[in-house]
């Protein structure tokens, strides 16, 4: 067959090196791989092989995964039909994982891409060729896992001897010549924080004092902004800091602590006193957030962007749930205009608004599914803003007007232009409708189940539900009209007959 009639095959060379070692040389491993691949492509010129000018080189990238920039570009060009043959020096340059290789072969086969390793002759179109390739990949994966095990064993042995093997350098130390060396200025800061905790004896007061003294986390020189440090302490990092045994000269590995080579910053007596105080101050609430019944957990924020988390208080055997701003834990000055809000009432307001706007055709949708459509709720003195997960349903945040009274416990109510309206009655009716919807929708199978989720005594639920069965004209009068109906005018045992309701309420 004449050479002119041979179909040209566009060949892409892929090269990879696992480490940075030797990359600064004039002729490095990547150059050697490419030179060998180019020579092989030239030897196949009679078969129509033509080298593409694009370079697909991954320096200092592991073959244990496919998260490599040049490989991603190679696969993207294969997808759009720019490549016919992929050429590598050895199969392990492409991948060292059998699972990843199976994905690559599937991609190649789907687009009829040939794959060649110039130092390992095989044909992927035959069963014997695939078997040979899988055997080679098995050894490549074994070699990678063996190297990983050697590194882990070396790190474990070094840590048990107290050596520093890398990682995040804690406040008070610097890493020099693969060892931890005390930074005198930071070490004094460490001692100050531990001593302050022993004096103030609480995290909230400690955070306030650290802010007043402008004491922040360790500053680091890194390209990633979130790892640069130099930010105010919060509860989580502060608790980890106070429990870190590295400050008494120990190193950690595999859940155990060993005597370290570095010098301690604290004496053991001070450290032990802090640990005992942490233990004494620990409060086990016994209820996980996921089981607390807080429908707006992780979604409620004040108007300064602080997350509002669930909490509760108990009085006369009745449990009352609230959401409080996380800024109250040590940084009250950073809290928004609403610091504490009744959980039941804010949840009822959000639920009623969502049902009115979103569920005209789905009146029986479960409450958890309804709140699953909420991405974020922001509360301020004058309004509540609801942002949905699906912007197609509402491009702008949904707004609910409400009034706020600056008391220790925030009371939520609908804003009303009627001076004579009873806000307590309005809230009670809204809550009753919401609870009735949860019961009729099957979200709760009994009043007792609803009471547990709402944090109320079942007796309170039963008494409140009577307001969901008020005569329409009475409900309208309470919500909209000037008629001065008060909550205390409605009998605790009200008849279901609307005529008798009108007679008893007057």
Protein backbone atom coordinates (compact mmCIF):
# COMPACT_ATOMS: atom_id res chain seq x y z
CA UNK A 1 0.00 0.00 0.00
CA UNK A 2 1.45 3.44 -0.88
CA UNK A 3 2.57 5.55 2.05
CA UNK A 4 0.24 8.36 0.98
CA UNK A 5 -2.79 6.11 1.56
CA UNK A 6 -1.91 5.35 5.21
CA UNK A 7 -4.26 7.11 7.62
CA UNK A 8 -2.29 9.51 9.85
CA UNK A 9 -2.42 8.76 13.55
CA UNK A 10 -1.98 11.70 15.91
CA UNK A 11 0.30 10.67 18.80
CA UNK A 12 0.44 12.36 22.23
CA UNK A 13 3.32 11.69 24.62
CA UNK A 14 2.57 11.63 28.35
CA UNK A 15 5.39 11.84 30.90
CA UNK A 16 5.38 11.85 34.71
CA UNK A 17 7.82 11.95 37.62
CA UNK A 18 6.80 11.28 41.22
CA UNK A 19 9.19 13.69 42.98
CA UNK A 20 10.86 17.04 42.40
CA UNK A 21 14.33 15.51 42.75
CA UNK A 22 16.43 16.14 39.65
CA UNK A 23 13.87 18.31 37.85
CA UNK A 24 16.25 21.26 37.95
CA UNK A 25 18.81 19.39 35.84
CA UNK A 26 19.32 20.38 32.21
CA UNK A 27 18.28 16.89 31.03
CA UNK A 28 15.92 15.32 33.55
CA UNK A 29 13.72 12.23 33.71
CA UNK A 30 10.85 13.87 31.83
CA UNK A 31 13.20 14.76 28.96
CA UNK A 32 14.52 11.20 28.84
CA UNK A 33 10.99 9.75 28.72
CA UNK A 34 9.94 12.11 25.95
CA UNK A 35 13.09 11.42 23.88
CA UNK A 36 12.47 7.65 24.02
CA UNK A 37 8.80 8.12 23.05
CA UNK A 38 9.69 10.43 20.15
CA UNK A 39 12.17 7.88 18.81
CA UNK A 40 9.51 5.16 18.96
CA UNK A 41 6.98 7.35 17.12
CA UNK A 42 9.55 8.04 14.36
CA UNK A 43 10.08 4.29 13.98
CA UNK A 44 6.35 3.94 13.28
CA UNK A 45 6.24 6.71 10.65
CA UNK A 46 5.46 4.15 7.93
CA UNK A 47 2.26 3.33 9.85
CA UNK A 48 1.17 6.95 9.71
CA UNK A 49 2.22 7.93 13.26
CA UNK A 50 2.67 11.69 13.67
CA UNK A 51 3.85 13.45 16.86
CA UNK A 52 1.63 16.19 18.26
CA UNK A 53 3.52 19.29 19.44
CA UNK A 54 1.60 19.56 22.73
CA UNK A 55 3.47 18.48 25.88
CA UNK A 56 1.63 16.52 28.56
CA UNK A 57 4.13 16.55 31.44
CA UNK A 58 3.31 16.03 35.14
CA UNK A 59 6.39 16.83 37.26
CA UNK A 60 6.25 15.82 40.95
CA UNK A 61 2.85 14.08 40.77
CA UNK A 62 2.01 10.67 42.23
CA UNK A 63 0.75 7.88 40.01
CA UNK A 64 -1.60 6.72 42.76
CA UNK A 65 -4.49 8.89 41.53
CA UNK A 66 -5.73 10.72 38.45
CA UNK A 67 -5.66 14.20 39.96
CA UNK A 68 -2.91 15.52 37.67
CA UNK A 69 -3.18 18.65 35.47
CA UNK A 70 -1.43 17.30 32.36
CA UNK A 71 -3.37 14.03 32.51
CA UNK A 72 -6.62 15.97 32.74
CA UNK A 73 -5.65 17.99 29.66
CA UNK A 74 -4.77 14.76 27.85
CA UNK A 75 -8.18 13.23 28.65
CA UNK A 76 -9.93 16.45 27.64
CA UNK A 77 -8.18 16.43 24.24
CA UNK A 78 -9.08 12.75 23.81
CA UNK A 79 -12.72 13.59 24.51
CA UNK A 80 -12.84 16.23 21.75
CA UNK A 81 -11.11 13.90 19.27
CA UNK A 82 -7.65 15.49 18.99
CA UNK A 83 -5.65 12.31 19.76
CA UNK A 84 -5.46 8.83 18.23
CA UNK A 85 -2.55 7.22 20.13
CA UNK A 86 -1.24 7.75 23.68
CA UNK A 87 2.45 6.96 24.10
CA UNK A 88 4.26 6.56 27.46
CA UNK A 89 7.71 5.34 28.45
CA UNK A 90 6.35 2.72 30.90
CA UNK A 91 2.85 1.80 31.97
CA UNK A 92 3.43 3.04 35.53
CA UNK A 93 4.04 6.55 34.17
CA UNK A 94 0.35 6.69 33.28
CA UNK A 95 -0.94 5.16 36.52
CA UNK A 96 0.04 2.83 39.34
CA UNK A 97 -3.53 1.96 40.29
CA UNK A 98 -5.47 -0.95 38.79
CA UNK A 99 -8.78 0.78 39.48
CA UNK A 100 -7.64 4.00 37.76
CA UNK A 101 -6.23 2.03 34.83
CA UNK A 102 -9.60 0.32 34.32
CA UNK A 103 -11.21 3.77 34.05
CA UNK A 104 -8.58 4.94 31.55
CA UNK A 105 -8.90 1.81 29.40
CA UNK A 106 -12.68 2.28 29.33
CA UNK A 107 -12.17 5.88 28.16
CA UNK A 108 -9.64 4.79 25.50
CA UNK A 109 -11.83 1.96 24.22
CA UNK A 110 -14.91 4.19 23.99
CA UNK A 111 -13.05 6.47 21.57
CA UNK A 112 -10.88 3.82 19.85
CA UNK A 113 -7.65 5.23 21.30
CA UNK A 114 -4.51 3.07 21.04
CA UNK A 115 -2.19 2.92 24.03
CA UNK A 116 1.53 2.14 23.82
CA UNK A 117 4.34 1.81 26.40
CA UNK A 118 7.60 1.90 24.44
CA UNK A 119 9.59 -0.32 26.86
CA UNK A 120 6.79 -2.86 27.41
CA UNK A 121 5.34 -4.42 24.29
CA UNK A 122 1.70 -5.47 24.55
CA UNK A 123 -1.54 -5.19 22.64
CA UNK A 124 -4.60 -4.04 24.59
CA UNK A 125 -6.97 -5.30 21.91
CA UNK A 126 -6.37 -8.98 22.86
CA UNK A 127 -7.18 -10.83 26.08
CA UNK A 128 -3.53 -11.91 26.50
CA UNK A 129 -2.40 -8.29 26.07
CA UNK A 130 -4.82 -7.12 28.75
CA UNK A 131 -3.67 -9.89 31.09
CA UNK A 132 -0.04 -8.88 30.60
CA UNK A 133 -0.92 -5.25 31.23
CA UNK A 134 -2.84 -6.07 34.43
CA UNK A 135 0.09 -8.11 35.72
CA UNK A 136 2.45 -5.19 35.11
CA UNK A 137 0.03 -2.78 36.82
CA UNK A 138 -0.32 -5.15 39.79
CA UNK A 139 3.41 -4.98 40.36
CA UNK A 140 3.39 -1.20 39.91
CA UNK A 141 0.62 -0.84 42.50
CA UNK A 142 2.43 -3.23 44.83
CA UNK A 143 5.60 -1.16 44.52
CA UNK A 144 3.69 2.05 45.34
CA UNK A 145 1.98 0.53 48.38
CA UNK A 146 5.28 -0.96 49.57
CA UNK A 147 6.91 2.47 49.36
CA UNK A 148 4.02 3.99 51.32
CA UNK A 149 4.37 1.37 54.03
CA UNK A 150 8.09 2.04 54.30
CA UNK A 151 7.43 5.76 54.73
CA UNK A 152 4.73 5.14 57.38
CA UNK A 153 6.99 2.76 59.29
CA UNK A 154 9.83 5.27 59.19
CA UNK A 155 7.58 8.06 60.47
CA UNK A 156 6.23 5.82 63.26
CA UNK A 157 9.73 4.78 64.34
CA UNK A 158 10.92 8.41 64.29
CA UNK A 159 7.96 9.65 66.31
CA UNK A 160 8.43 6.94 68.94
CA UNK A 161 11.99 8.21 69.36
CA UNK A 162 10.64 11.70 69.85
CA UNK A 163 11.78 13.12 66.50
CA UNK A 164 9.87 15.77 64.58
CA UNK A 165 8.79 14.35 61.21
CA UNK A 166 6.98 17.37 59.82
CA UNK A 167 3.46 18.70 59.86
CA UNK A 168 1.89 21.87 61.22
CA UNK A 169 4.33 23.66 63.52
CA UNK A 170 2.48 24.70 66.70
CA UNK A 171 2.51 28.15 68.25
CA UNK A 172 5.69 28.56 70.32
CA UNK A 173 8.02 26.60 68.02
CA UNK A 174 9.88 26.89 64.72
CA UNK A 175 11.05 24.01 62.49
CA UNK A 176 14.83 24.16 61.89
CA UNK A 177 16.99 21.34 60.51
CA UNK A 178 14.05 18.92 60.89
CA UNK A 179 13.73 19.72 64.59
CA UNK A 180 11.40 21.84 66.72
CA UNK A 181 13.12 24.85 68.23
CA UNK A 182 11.50 27.20 70.75
CA UNK A 183 10.48 30.63 69.50
CA UNK A 184 10.97 32.77 72.60
CA UNK A 185 8.34 35.39 71.80
CA UNK A 186 5.69 32.82 70.90
CA UNK A 187 6.64 30.63 73.87
CA UNK A 188 5.79 33.50 76.20
CA UNK A 189 2.43 33.81 74.45
CA UNK A 190 1.80 30.10 75.07
CA UNK A 191 2.56 30.46 78.78
CA UNK A 192 0.32 33.54 78.96
CA UNK A 193 -2.67 31.70 77.43
CA UNK A 194 -2.36 28.76 79.83
CA UNK A 195 -1.99 31.07 82.83
CA UNK A 196 -4.96 33.21 81.76
CA UNK A 197 -7.18 30.15 81.51
CA UNK A 198 -6.26 29.17 85.06
CA UNK A 199 -7.19 32.71 86.18
CA UNK A 200 -10.46 33.31 84.31
CA UNK A 201 -11.53 29.61 84.39
CA UNK A 202 -13.84 29.80 81.34
CA UNK A 203 -13.49 29.84 77.58
CA UNK A 204 -15.76 32.85 77.07
CA UNK A 205 -13.77 35.10 79.42
CA UNK A 206 -10.50 33.72 78.03
CA UNK A 207 -11.53 34.59 74.46
CA UNK A 208 -12.47 38.11 75.58
CA UNK A 209 -9.12 38.57 77.29
CA UNK A 210 -7.16 37.23 74.32
CA UNK A 211 -9.03 39.62 72.03
CA UNK A 212 -8.32 42.51 74.38
CA UNK A 213 -4.61 41.67 74.33
CA UNK A 214 -4.72 41.02 70.57
CA UNK A 215 -3.34 37.50 70.96
CA UNK A 216 -3.98 35.48 67.78
CA UNK A 217 -3.07 32.10 66.27
CA UNK A 218 0.38 31.39 64.84
CA UNK A 219 1.26 33.32 61.69
CA UNK A 220 2.64 31.18 58.86
CA UNK A 221 4.25 31.90 55.51
CA UNK A 222 2.14 29.93 53.04
CA UNK A 223 0.55 30.53 49.65
CA UNK A 224 -2.84 29.26 50.85
CA UNK A 225 -4.64 32.16 52.65
CA UNK A 226 -6.70 29.98 55.01
CA UNK A 227 -3.52 28.41 56.45
CA UNK A 228 -1.71 31.69 57.13
CA UNK A 229 -3.08 32.03 60.65
CA UNK A 230 -2.90 35.26 62.60
CA UNK A 231 -6.64 35.14 63.37
CA UNK A 232 -8.46 35.42 66.74
CA UNK A 233 -8.85 32.21 68.73
CA UNK A 234 -12.22 30.43 68.72
CA UNK A 235 -13.45 27.68 71.03
CA UNK A 236 -12.39 24.67 68.92
CA UNK A 237 -8.76 25.69 68.21
CA UNK A 238 -8.44 26.96 71.77
CA UNK A 239 -9.52 23.63 73.26
CA UNK A 240 -7.07 21.77 71.00
CA UNK A 241 -4.32 24.22 71.96
CA UNK A 242 -4.86 23.74 75.72
CA UNK A 243 -4.78 19.94 75.37
CA UNK A 244 -1.65 19.80 73.19
CA UNK A 245 0.98 17.76 75.07
CA UNK A 246 3.69 18.94 72.70
CA UNK A 247 4.12 21.88 75.12
CA UNK A 248 5.42 19.52 77.82
CA UNK A 249 7.96 17.98 75.45
CA UNK A 250 6.04 15.03 73.99
CA UNK A 251 5.28 13.87 70.42
CA UNK A 252 2.19 12.10 69.15
CA UNK A 253 1.70 9.11 66.89
CA UNK A 254 -1.03 6.49 66.53
CA UNK A 255 -3.05 7.76 69.47
CA UNK A 256 -0.09 7.64 71.86
CA UNK A 257 2.35 10.21 73.22
CA UNK A 258 6.13 9.73 73.48
CA UNK A 259 8.93 11.76 75.03
CA UNK A 260 10.15 14.20 72.39
CA UNK A 261 13.55 15.58 71.47
CA UNK A 262 12.29 19.19 71.61
CA UNK A 263 12.42 21.30 74.75
CA UNK A 264 9.17 21.83 76.68
CA UNK A 265 7.58 25.26 77.04
CA UNK A 266 5.39 24.45 80.06
CA UNK A 267 6.05 22.65 83.31
CA UNK A 268 3.94 19.54 83.87
CA UNK A 269 2.24 20.95 86.98
CA UNK A 270 0.74 23.88 85.06
CA UNK A 271 -0.32 21.64 82.18
CA UNK A 272 -2.00 19.13 84.56
CA UNK A 273 -3.87 21.92 86.36
CA UNK A 274 -5.25 23.12 83.02
CA UNK A 275 -6.34 19.60 82.06
CA UNK A 276 -8.16 19.18 85.36
CA UNK A 277 -9.92 22.51 84.89
CA UNK A 278 -10.96 21.52 81.36
CA UNK A 279 -12.36 18.28 82.74
CA UNK A 280 -14.25 20.07 85.53
CA UNK A 281 -15.76 22.57 83.08
CA UNK A 282 -16.87 19.92 80.59
CA UNK A 283 -20.63 19.76 80.20
CA UNK A 284 -22.18 16.72 78.56
CA UNK A 285 -25.56 17.81 77.24
CA UNK A 286 -26.33 14.23 76.24
CA UNK A 287 -28.08 15.30 73.05
CA UNK A 288 -26.44 15.49 69.68
CA UNK A 289 -27.31 18.46 67.48
CA UNK A 290 -28.56 16.05 64.82
CA UNK A 291 -31.12 14.70 67.28
CA UNK A 292 -32.07 18.02 68.88
CA UNK A 293 -35.03 18.66 66.56
CA UNK A 294 -33.56 21.97 65.42
CA UNK A 295 -34.93 22.39 61.90
CA UNK A 296 -32.70 25.40 61.17
CA UNK A 297 -29.50 23.82 62.49
CA UNK A 298 -26.59 25.23 60.46
CA UNK A 299 -28.89 27.51 58.42
CA UNK A 300 -29.75 30.34 60.78
CA UNK A 301 -27.54 33.47 60.97
CA UNK A 302 -27.74 36.90 62.56
CA UNK A 303 -27.37 40.05 60.47
CA UNK A 304 -23.59 40.15 61.05
CA UNK A 305 -23.06 36.70 59.57
CA UNK A 306 -22.67 34.81 62.85
CA UNK A 307 -24.16 31.33 62.88
CA UNK A 308 -26.98 30.85 65.40
CA UNK A 309 -26.86 27.44 67.05
CA UNK A 310 -29.53 25.55 69.03
CA UNK A 311 -29.68 25.53 72.82
CA UNK A 312 -32.41 25.13 75.45
CA UNK A 313 -33.50 25.97 78.97
CA UNK A 314 -35.95 24.23 81.30
CA UNK A 315 -38.55 25.69 83.63
CA UNK A 316 -41.13 23.79 85.69
CA UNK A 317 -40.38 20.62 83.75
CA UNK A 318 -40.97 22.27 80.38
CA UNK A 319 -38.10 22.54 77.93
CA UNK A 320 -37.82 25.73 75.86
CA UNK A 321 -35.64 25.75 72.75
CA UNK A 322 -33.71 28.73 71.41
CA UNK A 323 -31.17 29.69 68.78
CA UNK A 324 -28.31 31.87 70.02
CA UNK A 325 -25.56 33.68 68.12
CA UNK A 326 -22.17 31.95 68.36
CA UNK A 327 -20.66 35.42 68.84
CA UNK A 328 -22.04 35.37 72.40
CA UNK A 329 -19.36 32.83 73.26
CA UNK A 330 -16.65 35.34 74.09
CA UNK A 331 -17.34 38.07 71.48
CA UNK A 332 -20.65 39.72 72.37
CA UNK A 333 -19.62 42.91 70.60
CA UNK A 334 -19.55 41.01 67.29
CA UNK A 335 -23.13 39.71 67.62
CA UNK A 336 -25.89 40.96 65.35
CA UNK A 337 -29.01 42.90 66.29
CA UNK A 338 -30.76 39.64 67.25
CA UNK A 339 -28.71 37.51 69.62
CA UNK A 340 -31.27 35.01 70.88
CA UNK A 341 -34.51 33.82 69.33
CA UNK A 342 -37.21 31.29 70.25
CA UNK A 343 -36.65 28.17 68.15
CA UNK A 344 -40.28 27.11 67.98
CA UNK A 345 -41.52 30.50 66.85
CA UNK A 346 -38.85 31.20 64.24
CA UNK A 347 -39.33 27.69 62.82
CA UNK A 348 -43.10 28.18 62.71
CA UNK A 349 -42.77 31.51 60.92
CA UNK A 350 -40.42 30.03 58.31
CA UNK A 351 -42.62 26.96 57.85
CA UNK A 352 -45.80 28.99 57.39
CA UNK A 353 -44.15 31.25 54.82
CA UNK A 354 -42.68 28.31 52.88
CA UNK A 355 -46.00 26.47 52.79
CA UNK A 356 -47.78 29.59 51.60
CA UNK A 357 -45.29 30.26 48.80
CA UNK A 358 -44.02 26.85 47.74
CA UNK A 359 -46.52 24.13 48.55
CA UNK A 360 -49.87 25.15 47.18
CA UNK A 361 -49.99 21.81 45.38
CA UNK A 362 -48.26 19.78 48.10
CA UNK A 363 -50.03 20.52 51.39
CA UNK A 364 -48.88 17.28 53.01
CA UNK A 365 -45.13 17.62 52.41
CA UNK A 366 -43.10 16.66 55.49
CA UNK A 367 -41.51 19.42 57.57
CA UNK A 368 -37.95 18.09 57.18
CA UNK A 369 -38.37 18.02 53.39
CA UNK A 370 -39.76 21.54 53.46
CA UNK A 371 -36.81 22.86 55.47
CA UNK A 372 -34.47 20.94 53.18
CA UNK A 373 -35.27 23.57 50.55
CA UNK A 374 -33.84 26.28 52.79
CA UNK A 375 -30.22 27.26 52.26
CA UNK A 376 -29.96 30.15 54.70
CA UNK A 377 -32.14 32.20 57.06
CA UNK A 378 -30.96 35.61 58.29
CA UNK A 379 -32.67 37.38 61.20
CA UNK A 380 -32.49 41.07 62.06
CA UNK A 381 -34.61 43.45 64.11
CA UNK A 382 -37.04 44.25 61.31
CA UNK A 383 -37.19 41.19 59.11
CA UNK A 384 -36.37 37.56 58.37
CA UNK A 385 -34.73 36.70 55.03
CA UNK A 386 -35.01 33.17 53.61
CA UNK A 387 -32.68 32.02 50.82
CA UNK A 388 -33.72 28.82 49.02
CA UNK A 389 -31.45 26.07 47.69
CA UNK A 390 -33.26 26.20 44.35
CA UNK A 391 -32.98 29.77 43.01
CA UNK A 392 -35.59 29.01 40.31
CA UNK A 393 -38.31 29.00 42.96
CA UNK A 394 -37.34 32.44 44.24
CA UNK A 395 -34.52 34.46 42.70
CA UNK A 396 -34.47 36.89 45.61
CA UNK A 397 -34.52 36.05 49.33
CA UNK A 398 -38.01 35.71 50.77
CA UNK A 399 -38.65 38.40 53.38
CA UNK A 400 -40.93 38.19 56.43
CA UNK A 401 -41.58 41.32 58.47
CA UNK A 402 -41.56 40.92 62.23
CA UNK A 403 -41.11 43.00 65.37
CA UNK A 404 -38.38 42.55 67.94
CA UNK A 405 -38.31 43.39 71.64
CA UNK A 406 -34.78 43.65 73.11
CA UNK A 407 -35.16 41.34 76.09
CA UNK A 408 -33.01 38.48 77.32
CA UNK A 409 -35.23 36.07 75.43
CA UNK A 410 -36.25 37.28 72.00
CA UNK A 411 -39.96 37.10 71.22
CA UNK A 412 -40.96 36.79 67.58
CA UNK A 413 -44.24 38.14 66.29
CA UNK A 414 -45.79 39.26 63.03
CA UNK A 415 -45.52 42.96 62.39
CA UNK A 416 -49.02 44.36 62.47
CA UNK A 417 -50.39 47.73 61.57
CA UNK A 418 -53.33 47.20 63.94
CA UNK A 419 -52.63 48.74 67.31
CA UNK A 420 -55.25 46.59 69.04
CA UNK A 421 -54.02 43.20 67.81
CA UNK A 422 -52.79 40.81 70.51
CA UNK A 423 -49.32 39.59 69.47
CA UNK A 424 -49.52 36.64 71.89
CA UNK A 425 -52.75 35.45 70.30
CA UNK A 426 -51.29 35.84 66.79
CA UNK A 427 -48.23 33.77 67.71
CA UNK A 428 -50.38 31.14 69.41
CA UNK A 429 -52.63 30.74 66.35
CA UNK A 430 -49.67 30.49 63.97
CA UNK A 431 -48.03 27.88 66.19
CA UNK A 432 -51.26 25.88 66.45
CA UNK A 433 -51.67 25.79 62.65
CA UNK A 434 -48.05 24.71 62.22
CA UNK A 435 -48.39 21.90 64.78
CA UNK A 436 -51.67 20.73 63.25
CA UNK A 437 -49.97 20.64 59.84
CA UNK A 438 -47.17 18.48 61.22
CA UNK A 439 -49.65 16.03 62.75
CA UNK A 440 -51.97 15.85 59.73
CA UNK A 441 -49.03 15.62 57.32
CA UNK A 442 -47.70 12.50 59.05
CA UNK A 443 -44.46 14.10 60.21
CA UNK A 444 -45.42 13.13 63.77
CA UNK A 445 -47.63 10.14 64.58
CA UNK A 446 -48.81 11.46 67.95
CA UNK A 447 -48.91 14.52 70.15
CA UNK A 448 -46.28 12.91 72.37
CA UNK A 449 -43.91 12.59 69.40
CA UNK A 450 -44.54 16.23 68.44
CA UNK A 451 -43.94 17.31 72.03
CA UNK A 452 -40.54 15.62 72.12
CA UNK A 453 -39.49 17.27 68.85
CA UNK A 454 -40.83 20.69 69.86
CA UNK A 455 -39.39 20.55 73.37
CA UNK A 456 -42.75 21.05 75.11
CA UNK A 457 -44.87 19.09 77.53
CA UNK A 458 -47.68 17.19 75.70
CA UNK A 459 -50.18 19.10 77.86
CA UNK A 460 -48.95 22.38 76.37
CA UNK A 461 -49.35 20.99 72.83
CA UNK A 462 -52.93 19.78 73.44
CA UNK A 463 -53.98 23.11 74.92
CA UNK A 464 -52.39 25.10 72.10
CA UNK A 465 -53.99 23.01 69.32
CA UNK A 466 -57.46 24.29 70.23
CA UNK A 467 -56.60 27.54 68.47
CA UNK A 468 -56.27 25.74 65.14
CA UNK A 469 -60.04 25.09 65.22
CA UNK A 470 -61.25 28.64 65.79
CA UNK A 471 -64.14 29.88 63.69
CA UNK A 472 -62.87 31.68 60.55
CA UNK A 473 -64.35 35.03 61.56
CA UNK A 474 -62.75 34.80 65.02
CA UNK A 475 -59.35 33.94 63.49
CA UNK A 476 -59.66 36.83 61.02
CA UNK A 477 -60.58 39.20 63.82
CA UNK A 478 -57.46 38.15 65.76
CA UNK A 479 -55.13 38.40 62.79
CA UNK A 480 -56.43 41.35 60.78
CA UNK A 481 -59.30 43.29 62.31
CA UNK A 482 -59.39 45.92 65.02
CA UNK A 483 -61.54 43.70 67.25
CA UNK A 484 -59.71 43.61 70.61
CA UNK A 485 -59.65 39.81 71.07
CA UNK A 486 -57.06 38.68 73.61
CA UNK A 487 -55.56 35.25 74.20
CA UNK A 488 -56.93 35.13 77.75
CA UNK A 489 -60.47 35.56 76.36
CA UNK A 490 -60.34 32.15 74.66
CA UNK A 491 -61.39 29.33 77.05
CA UNK A 492 -58.88 26.56 77.71
CA UNK A 493 -61.57 24.02 76.77
CA UNK A 494 -63.23 25.53 73.71
CA UNK A 495 -66.05 23.88 71.78
CA UNK A 496 -65.58 22.74 68.17
CA UNK A 497 -68.93 24.36 67.36
CA UNK A 498 -68.33 27.75 65.79
CA UNK A 499 -71.65 29.03 67.11
CA UNK A 500 -70.73 28.11 70.68
CA UNK A 501 -67.26 29.66 70.18
CA UNK A 502 -68.84 32.99 69.18
CA UNK A 503 -71.11 32.85 72.23
CA UNK A 504 -68.30 32.02 74.68
CA UNK A 505 -65.84 34.56 73.28
CA UNK A 506 -68.45 37.22 72.71
